[in-house]
């Protein structure tokens, strides 16, 4: 759990830096590695599943942790 929070804080810091750079006229690079595009898609899918109440908070946090740490595929959970 603490690792997840640390990772989220680091990601938040990077996003804030990108926003500040964009505000002064230095937009972030458009080129992203495939692994990050895939990770982003998996995390968006998890958020969608949570918003549709297909998974609960515990399942979402566990899946986010797996995706960030091990880049594992999303496991669709049917209640």
PDB file of N, CA and C in Angstrom:
ATOM      1  N   UNK A   1       0.826  -1.192   0.000  1.00  0.00           N
ATOM      2  CA  UNK A   1       0.000   0.000   0.000  1.00  0.00           C
ATOM      3  C   UNK A   1       0.871   1.258   0.000  1.00  0.00           C
ATOM      4  N   UNK A   2       1.931   1.260   0.818  1.00  0.00           N
ATOM      5  CA  UNK A   2       2.802   2.433   0.875  1.00  0.00           C
ATOM      6  C   UNK A   2       3.535   2.637  -0.450  1.00  0.00           C
ATOM      7  N   UNK A   3       3.883   1.541  -1.096  1.00  0.00           N
ATOM      8  CA  UNK A   3       4.539   1.637  -2.398  1.00  0.00           C
ATOM      9  C   UNK A   3       3.631   2.293  -3.420  1.00  0.00           C
ATOM     10  N   UNK A   4       2.349   1.949  -3.372  1.00  0.00           N
ATOM     11  CA  UNK A   4       1.374   2.550  -4.277  1.00  0.00           C
ATOM     12  C   UNK A   4       1.297   4.052  -4.046  1.00  0.00           C
ATOM     13  N   UNK A   5       1.217   4.456  -2.773  1.00  0.00           N
ATOM     14  CA  UNK A   5       1.149   5.879  -2.464  1.00  0.00           C
ATOM     15  C   UNK A   5       2.398   6.611  -2.929  1.00  0.00           C
ATOM     16  N   UNK A   6       3.568   6.006  -2.743  1.00  0.00           N
ATOM     17  CA  UNK A   6       4.817   6.615  -3.184  1.00  0.00           C
ATOM     18  C   UNK A   6       4.805   6.793  -4.703  1.00  0.00           C
ATOM     19  N   UNK A   7       4.371   5.769  -5.410  1.00  0.00           N
ATOM     20  CA  UNK A   7       4.318   5.822  -6.869  1.00  0.00           C
ATOM     21  C   UNK A   7       3.342   6.893  -7.342  1.00  0.00           C
ATOM     22  N   UNK A   8       2.195   6.988  -6.689  1.00  0.00           N
ATOM     23  CA  UNK A   8       1.211   8.001  -7.068  1.00  0.00           C
ATOM     24  C   UNK A   8       1.753   9.405  -6.815  1.00  0.00           C
ATOM     25  N   UNK A   9       2.469   9.598  -5.701  1.00  0.00           N
ATOM     26  CA  UNK A   9       3.077  10.907  -5.414  1.00  0.00           C
ATOM     27  C   UNK A   9       4.110  11.263  -6.474  1.00  0.00           C
ATOM     28  N   UNK A  10       4.935  10.294  -6.861  1.00  0.00           N
ATOM     29  CA  UNK A  10       5.947  10.549  -7.886  1.00  0.00           C
ATOM     30  C   UNK A  10       5.288  10.915  -9.214  1.00  0.00           C
ATOM     31  N   UNK A  11       4.238  10.203  -9.567  1.00  0.00           N
ATOM     32  CA  UNK A  11       3.520  10.491 -10.807  1.00  0.00           C
ATOM     33  C   UNK A  11       2.905  11.887 -10.745  1.00  0.00           C
ATOM     34  N   UNK A  12       2.335  12.236  -9.590  1.00  0.00           N
ATOM     35  CA  UNK A  12       1.757  13.564  -9.408  1.00  0.00           C
ATOM     36  C   UNK A  12       2.822  14.643  -9.609  1.00  0.00           C
ATOM     37  N   UNK A  13       4.002  14.430  -9.056  1.00  0.00           N
ATOM     38  CA  UNK A  13       5.085  15.385  -9.197  1.00  0.00           C
ATOM     39  C   UNK A  13       5.454  15.572 -10.676  1.00  0.00           C
ATOM     40  N   UNK A  14       5.552  14.473 -11.416  1.00  0.00           N
ATOM     41  CA  UNK A  14       5.898  14.552 -12.829  1.00  0.00           C
ATOM     42  C   UNK A  14       4.829  15.295 -13.635  1.00  0.00           C
ATOM     43  N   UNK A  15       3.580  15.051 -13.307  1.00  0.00           N
ATOM     44  CA  UNK A  15       2.492  15.731 -14.006  1.00  0.00           C
ATOM     45  C   UNK A  15       2.532  17.228 -13.709  1.00  0.00           C
ATOM     46  N   UNK A  16       2.795  17.577 -12.455  1.00  0.00           N
ATOM     47  CA  UNK A  16       2.878  19.002 -12.093  1.00  0.00           C
ATOM     48  C   UNK A  16       4.012  19.691 -12.850  1.00  0.00           C
ATOM     49  N   UNK A  17       5.152  19.027 -12.983  1.00  0.00           N
ATOM     50  CA  UNK A  17       6.274  19.596 -13.732  1.00  0.00           C
ATOM     51  C   UNK A  17       5.872  19.799 -15.184  1.00  0.00           C
ATOM     52  N   UNK A  18       5.204  18.810 -15.776  1.00  0.00           N
ATOM     53  CA  UNK A  18       4.743  18.941 -17.160  1.00  0.00           C
ATOM     54  C   UNK A  18       3.779  20.108 -17.319  1.00  0.00           C
ATOM     55  N   UNK A  19       2.874  20.277 -16.347  1.00  0.00           N
ATOM     56  CA  UNK A  19       1.910  21.376 -16.412  1.00  0.00           C
ATOM     57  C   UNK A  19       2.610  22.732 -16.309  1.00  0.00           C
ATOM     58  N   UNK A  20       3.587  22.819 -15.414  1.00  0.00           N
ATOM     59  CA  UNK A  20       4.337  24.078 -15.284  1.00  0.00           C
ATOM     60  C   UNK A  20       5.117  24.377 -16.559  1.00  0.00           C
ATOM     61  N   UNK A  21       5.736  23.368 -17.129  1.00  0.00           N
ATOM     62  CA  UNK A  21       6.467  23.569 -18.376  1.00  0.00           C
ATOM     63  C   UNK A  21       5.528  24.010 -19.495  1.00  0.00           C
ATOM     64  N   UNK A  22       4.361  23.418 -19.566  1.00  0.00           N
ATOM     65  CA  UNK A  22       3.392  23.788 -20.597  1.00  0.00           C
ATOM     66  C   UNK A  22       2.919  25.226 -20.394  1.00  0.00           C
ATOM     67  N   UNK A  23       2.787  25.639 -19.136  1.00  0.00           N
ATOM     68  CA  UNK A  23       2.324  26.992 -18.842  1.00  0.00           C
ATOM     69  C   UNK A  23       3.319  28.055 -19.306  1.00  0.00           C
ATOM     70  N   UNK A  24       4.609  27.716 -19.346  1.00  0.00           N
ATOM     71  CA  UNK A  24       5.618  28.685 -19.781  1.00  0.00           C
ATOM     72  C   UNK A  24       6.014  28.480 -21.243  1.00  0.00           C
ATOM     73  N   UNK A  25       5.260  27.664 -21.955  1.00  0.00           N
ATOM     74  CA  UNK A  25       5.495  27.515 -23.385  1.00  0.00           C
ATOM     75  C   UNK A  25       6.355  26.335 -23.795  1.00  0.00           C
ATOM     76  N   UNK A  26       6.604  25.426 -22.898  1.00  0.00           N
ATOM     77  CA  UNK A  26       7.384  24.223 -23.210  1.00  0.00           C
ATOM     78  C   UNK A  26       6.500  22.991 -23.047  1.00  0.00           C
ATOM     79  N   UNK A  27       5.693  22.677 -24.057  1.00  0.00           N
ATOM     80  CA  UNK A  27       4.791  21.528 -23.917  1.00  0.00           C
ATOM     81  C   UNK A  27       5.568  20.216 -23.802  1.00  0.00           C
ATOM     82  N   UNK A  28       4.980  19.228 -23.139  1.00  0.00           N
ATOM     83  CA  UNK A  28       5.658  17.928 -23.026  1.00  0.00           C
ATOM     84  C   UNK A  28       5.800  17.266 -24.391  1.00  0.00           C
ATOM     85  N   UNK A  29       6.772  16.411 -24.502  1.00  0.00           N
ATOM     86  CA  UNK A  29       6.974  15.693 -25.757  1.00  0.00           C
ATOM     87  C   UNK A  29       5.775  14.815 -26.057  1.00  0.00           C
ATOM     88  N   UNK A  30       5.417  14.735 -27.307  1.00  0.00           N
ATOM     89  CA  UNK A  30       4.272  13.934 -27.733  1.00  0.00           C
ATOM     90  C   UNK A  30       4.621  12.451 -27.833  1.00  0.00           C
ATOM     91  N   UNK A  31       5.886  12.152 -28.016  1.00  0.00           N
ATOM     92  CA  UNK A  31       6.309  10.771 -28.196  1.00  0.00           C
ATOM     93  C   UNK A  31       6.309  10.069 -26.842  1.00  0.00           C
ATOM     94  N   UNK A  32       5.561   8.979 -26.767  1.00  0.00           N
ATOM     95  CA  UNK A  32       5.548   8.176 -25.548  1.00  0.00           C
ATOM     96  C   UNK A  32       5.859   6.731 -25.912  1.00  0.00           C
ATOM     97  N   UNK A  33       6.495   6.070 -25.005  1.00  0.00           N
ATOM     98  CA  UNK A  33       6.813   4.667 -25.237  1.00  0.00           C
ATOM     99  C   UNK A  33       5.534   3.840 -25.219  1.00  0.00           C
ATOM    100  N   UNK A  34       5.559   2.780 -25.988  1.00  0.00           N
ATOM    101  CA  UNK A  34       4.396   1.902 -26.085  1.00  0.00           C
ATOM    102  C   UNK A  34       3.980   1.376 -24.713  1.00  0.00           C
ATOM    103  N   UNK A  35       4.945   1.044 -23.873  1.00  0.00           N
ATOM    104  CA  UNK A  35       4.630   0.483 -22.566  1.00  0.00           C
ATOM    105  C   UNK A  35       3.815   1.475 -21.736  1.00  0.00           C
ATOM    106  N   UNK A  36       4.096   2.778 -21.862  1.00  0.00           N
ATOM    107  CA  UNK A  36       3.342   3.765 -21.102  1.00  0.00           C
ATOM    108  C   UNK A  36       1.945   3.978 -21.685  1.00  0.00           C
ATOM    109  N   UNK A  37       1.830   3.901 -22.994  1.00  0.00           N
ATOM    110  CA  UNK A  37       0.496   4.005 -23.601  1.00  0.00           C
ATOM    111  C   UNK A  37      -0.373   2.832 -23.157  1.00  0.00           C
ATOM    112  N   UNK A  38       0.229   1.639 -23.110  1.00  0.00           N
ATOM    113  CA  UNK A  38      -0.518   0.451 -22.685  1.00  0.00           C
ATOM    114  C   UNK A  38      -0.890   0.546 -21.207  1.00  0.00           C
ATOM    115  N   UNK A  39       0.041   1.022 -20.381  1.00  0.00           N
ATOM    116  CA  UNK A  39      -0.238   1.182 -18.952  1.00  0.00           C
ATOM    117  C   UNK A  39      -1.372   2.180 -18.756  1.00  0.00           C
ATOM    118  N   UNK A  40      -1.324   3.280 -19.483  1.00  0.00           N
ATOM    119  CA  UNK A  40      -2.375   4.290 -19.388  1.00  0.00           C
ATOM    120  C   UNK A  40      -3.729   3.704 -19.770  1.00  0.00           C
ATOM    121  N   UNK A  41      -3.756   2.915 -20.820  1.00  0.00           N
ATOM    122  CA  UNK A  41      -5.016   2.291 -21.253  1.00  0.00           C
ATOM    123  C   UNK A  41      -5.542   1.336 -20.183  1.00  0.00           C
ATOM    124  N   UNK A  42      -4.641   0.559 -19.570  1.00  0.00           N
ATOM    125  CA  UNK A  42      -5.076  -0.370 -18.512  1.00  0.00           C
ATOM    126  C   UNK A  42      -5.627   0.390 -17.312  1.00  0.00           C
ATOM    127  N   UNK A  43      -4.968   1.484 -16.932  1.00  0.00           N
ATOM    128  CA  UNK A  43      -5.434   2.262 -15.786  1.00  0.00           C
ATOM    129  C   UNK A  43      -6.763   2.951 -16.086  1.00  0.00           C
ATOM    130  N   UNK A  44      -6.941   3.433 -17.301  1.00  0.00           N
ATOM    131  CA  UNK A  44      -8.226   4.025 -17.684  1.00  0.00           C
ATOM    132  C   UNK A  44      -9.327   2.980 -17.621  1.00  0.00           C
ATOM    133  N   UNK A  45      -9.026   1.763 -18.071  1.00  0.00           N
ATOM    134  CA  UNK A  45     -10.013   0.671 -18.014  1.00  0.00           C
ATOM    135  C   UNK A  45     -10.386   0.369 -16.562  1.00  0.00           C
ATOM    136  N   UNK A  46      -9.402   0.356 -15.672  1.00  0.00           N
ATOM    137  CA  UNK A  46      -9.699   0.132 -14.255  1.00  0.00           C
ATOM    138  C   UNK A  46     -10.597   1.230 -13.700  1.00  0.00           C
ATOM    139  N   UNK A  47     -10.306   2.471 -14.052  1.00  0.00           N
ATOM    140  CA  UNK A  47     -11.132   3.589 -13.584  1.00  0.00           C
ATOM    141  C   UNK A  47     -12.557   3.448 -14.096  1.00  0.00           C
ATOM    142  N   UNK A  48     -12.701   3.036 -15.350  1.00  0.00           N
ATOM    143  CA  UNK A  48     -14.026   2.852 -15.912  1.00  0.00           C
ATOM    144  C   UNK A  48     -14.769   1.736 -15.170  1.00  0.00           C
ATOM    145  N   UNK A  49     -14.075   0.615 -14.931  1.00  0.00           N
ATOM    146  CA  UNK A  49     -14.709  -0.493 -14.208  1.00  0.00           C
ATOM    147  C   UNK A  49     -15.147  -0.059 -12.818  1.00  0.00           C
ATOM    148  N   UNK A  50     -14.323   0.733 -12.154  1.00  0.00           N
ATOM    149  CA  UNK A  50     -14.677   1.210 -10.816  1.00  0.00           C
ATOM    150  C   UNK A  50     -15.880   2.149 -10.886  1.00  0.00           C
ATOM    151  N   UNK A  51     -15.892   3.052 -11.863  1.00  0.00           N
ATOM    152  CA  UNK A  51     -17.004   3.997 -11.986  1.00  0.00           C
ATOM    153  C   UNK A  51     -18.312   3.291 -12.313  1.00  0.00           C
ATOM    154  N   UNK A  52     -18.227   2.154 -12.989  1.00  0.00           N
ATOM    155  CA  UNK A  52     -19.418   1.376 -13.333  1.00  0.00           C
ATOM    156  C   UNK A  52     -19.776   0.368 -12.237  1.00  0.00           C
ATOM    157  N   UNK A  53     -19.022   0.416 -11.132  1.00  0.00           N
ATOM    158  CA  UNK A  53     -19.222  -0.480  -9.983  1.00  0.00           C
ATOM    159  C   UNK A  53     -19.027  -1.954 -10.341  1.00  0.00           C
ATOM    160  N   UNK A  54     -18.160  -2.202 -11.338  1.00  0.00           N
ATOM    161  CA  UNK A  54     -17.832  -3.586 -11.681  1.00  0.00           C
ATOM    162  C   UNK A  54     -16.795  -4.150 -10.711  1.00  0.00           C
ATOM    163  N   UNK A  55     -15.991  -3.261 -10.127  1.00  0.00           N
ATOM    164  CA  UNK A  55     -15.005  -3.661  -9.127  1.00  0.00           C
ATOM    165  C   UNK A  55     -15.112  -2.710  -7.950  1.00  0.00           C
ATOM    166  N   UNK A  56     -14.735  -3.189  -6.759  1.00  0.00           N
ATOM    167  CA  UNK A  56     -14.781  -2.317  -5.590  1.00  0.00           C
ATOM    168  C   UNK A  56     -13.414  -1.649  -5.386  1.00  0.00           C
ATOM    169  N   UNK A  57     -13.316  -0.796  -4.386  1.00  0.00           N
ATOM    170  CA  UNK A  57     -12.102  -0.021  -4.145  1.00  0.00           C
ATOM    171  C   UNK A  57     -10.896  -0.926  -3.896  1.00  0.00           C
ATOM    172  N   UNK A  58     -11.075  -1.973  -3.109  1.00  0.00           N
ATOM    173  CA  UNK A  58      -9.962  -2.878  -2.824  1.00  0.00           C
ATOM    174  C   UNK A  58      -9.432  -3.526  -4.100  1.00  0.00           C
ATOM    175  N   UNK A  59     -10.342  -4.004  -4.936  1.00  0.00           N
ATOM    176  CA  UNK A  59      -9.932  -4.626  -6.196  1.00  0.00           C
ATOM    177  C   UNK A  59      -9.232  -3.614  -7.102  1.00  0.00           C
ATOM    178  N   UNK A  60      -9.742  -2.387  -7.130  1.00  0.00           N
ATOM    179  CA  UNK A  60      -9.133  -1.367  -7.974  1.00  0.00           C
ATOM    180  C   UNK A  60      -7.708  -1.052  -7.505  1.00  0.00           C
ATOM    181  N   UNK A  61      -7.537  -0.817  -6.209  1.00  0.00           N
ATOM    182  CA  UNK A  61      -6.207  -0.479  -5.687  1.00  0.00           C
ATOM    183  C   UNK A  61      -5.222  -1.621  -5.902  1.00  0.00           C
ATOM    184  N   UNK A  62      -5.687  -2.834  -5.694  1.00  0.00           N
ATOM    185  CA  UNK A  62      -4.816  -3.985  -5.908  1.00  0.00           C
ATOM    186  C   UNK A  62      -4.394  -4.074  -7.378  1.00  0.00           C
ATOM    187  N   UNK A  63      -5.354  -3.872  -8.271  1.00  0.00           N
ATOM    188  CA  UNK A  63      -5.066  -3.929  -9.710  1.00  0.00           C
ATOM    189  C   UNK A  63      -4.147  -2.789 -10.148  1.00  0.00           C
ATOM    190  N   UNK A  64      -4.358  -1.595  -9.604  1.00  0.00           N
ATOM    191  CA  UNK A  64      -3.483  -0.464  -9.920  1.00  0.00           C
ATOM    192  C   UNK A  64      -2.059  -0.793  -9.488  1.00  0.00           C
ATOM    193  N   UNK A  65      -1.924  -1.337  -8.284  1.00  0.00           N
ATOM    194  CA  UNK A  65      -0.596  -1.715  -7.791  1.00  0.00           C
ATOM    195  C   UNK A  65       0.074  -2.733  -8.690  1.00  0.00           C
ATOM    196  N   UNK A  66      -0.660  -3.739  -9.100  1.00  0.00           N
ATOM    197  CA  UNK A  66      -0.093  -4.751  -9.994  1.00  0.00           C
ATOM    198  C   UNK A  66       0.323  -4.130 -11.330  1.00  0.00           C
ATOM    199  N   UNK A  67      -0.527  -3.270 -11.871  1.00  0.00           N
ATOM    200  CA  UNK A  67      -0.238  -2.664 -13.166  1.00  0.00           C
ATOM    201  C   UNK A  67       0.964  -1.742 -13.110  1.00  0.00           C
ATOM    202  N   UNK A  68       1.088  -0.978 -12.058  1.00  0.00           N
ATOM    203  CA  UNK A  68       2.217  -0.055 -11.956  1.00  0.00           C
ATOM    204  C   UNK A  68       3.500  -0.799 -11.660  1.00  0.00           C
ATOM    205  N   UNK A  69       3.447  -1.738 -10.746  1.00  0.00           N
ATOM    206  CA  UNK A  69       4.677  -2.414 -10.327  1.00  0.00           C
ATOM    207  C   UNK A  69       5.127  -3.479 -11.310  1.00  0.00           C
ATOM    208  N   UNK A  70       4.195  -4.317 -11.758  1.00  0.00           N
ATOM    209  CA  UNK A  70       4.584  -5.458 -12.583  1.00  0.00           C
ATOM    210  C   UNK A  70       4.116  -5.356 -14.028  1.00  0.00           C
ATOM    211  N   UNK A  71       3.362  -4.316 -14.342  1.00  0.00           N
ATOM    212  CA  UNK A  71       2.829  -4.143 -15.691  1.00  0.00           C
ATOM    213  C   UNK A  71       2.047  -5.379 -16.149  1.00  0.00           C
ATOM    214  N   UNK A  72       1.324  -5.957 -15.215  1.00  0.00           N
ATOM    215  CA  UNK A  72       0.532  -7.148 -15.518  1.00  0.00           C
ATOM    216  C   UNK A  72      -0.761  -6.736 -16.215  1.00  0.00           C
ATOM    217  N   UNK A  73      -1.347  -7.634 -17.004  1.00  0.00           N
ATOM    218  CA  UNK A  73      -2.612  -7.307 -17.647  1.00  0.00           C
ATOM    219  C   UNK A  73      -3.728  -7.166 -16.623  1.00  0.00           C
ATOM    220  N   UNK A  74      -4.710  -6.375 -16.985  1.00  0.00           N
ATOM    221  CA  UNK A  74      -5.867  -6.195 -16.099  1.00  0.00           C
ATOM    222  C   UNK A  74      -6.655  -7.479 -16.035  1.00  0.00           C
ATOM    223  N   UNK A  75      -7.008  -7.858 -14.835  1.00  0.00           N
ATOM    224  CA  UNK A  75      -7.872  -9.023 -14.647  1.00  0.00           C
ATOM    225  C   UNK A  75      -9.285  -8.531 -14.469  1.00  0.00           C
ATOM    226  N   UNK A  76     -10.148  -8.842 -15.420  1.00  0.00           N
ATOM    227  CA  UNK A  76     -11.525  -8.410 -15.333  1.00  0.00           C
ATOM    228  C   UNK A  76     -12.216  -9.220 -14.251  1.00  0.00           C
ATOM    229  N   UNK A  77     -12.835  -8.506 -13.333  1.00  0.00           N
ATOM    230  CA  UNK A  77     -13.487  -9.141 -12.200  1.00  0.00           C
ATOM    231  C   UNK A  77     -14.982  -8.965 -12.347  1.00  0.00           C
ATOM    232  N   UNK A  78     -15.691 -10.054 -12.362  1.00  0.00           N
ATOM    233  CA  UNK A  78     -17.146  -9.999 -12.432  1.00  0.00           C
ATOM    234  C   UNK A  78     -17.700 -10.325 -11.059  1.00  0.00           C
ATOM    235  N   UNK A  79     -18.527  -9.421 -10.537  1.00  0.00           N
ATOM    236  CA  UNK A  79     -19.113  -9.649  -9.202  1.00  0.00           C
ATOM    237  C   UNK A  79     -20.314 -10.530  -9.298  1.00  0.00           C
TER     238      UNK A  79
END
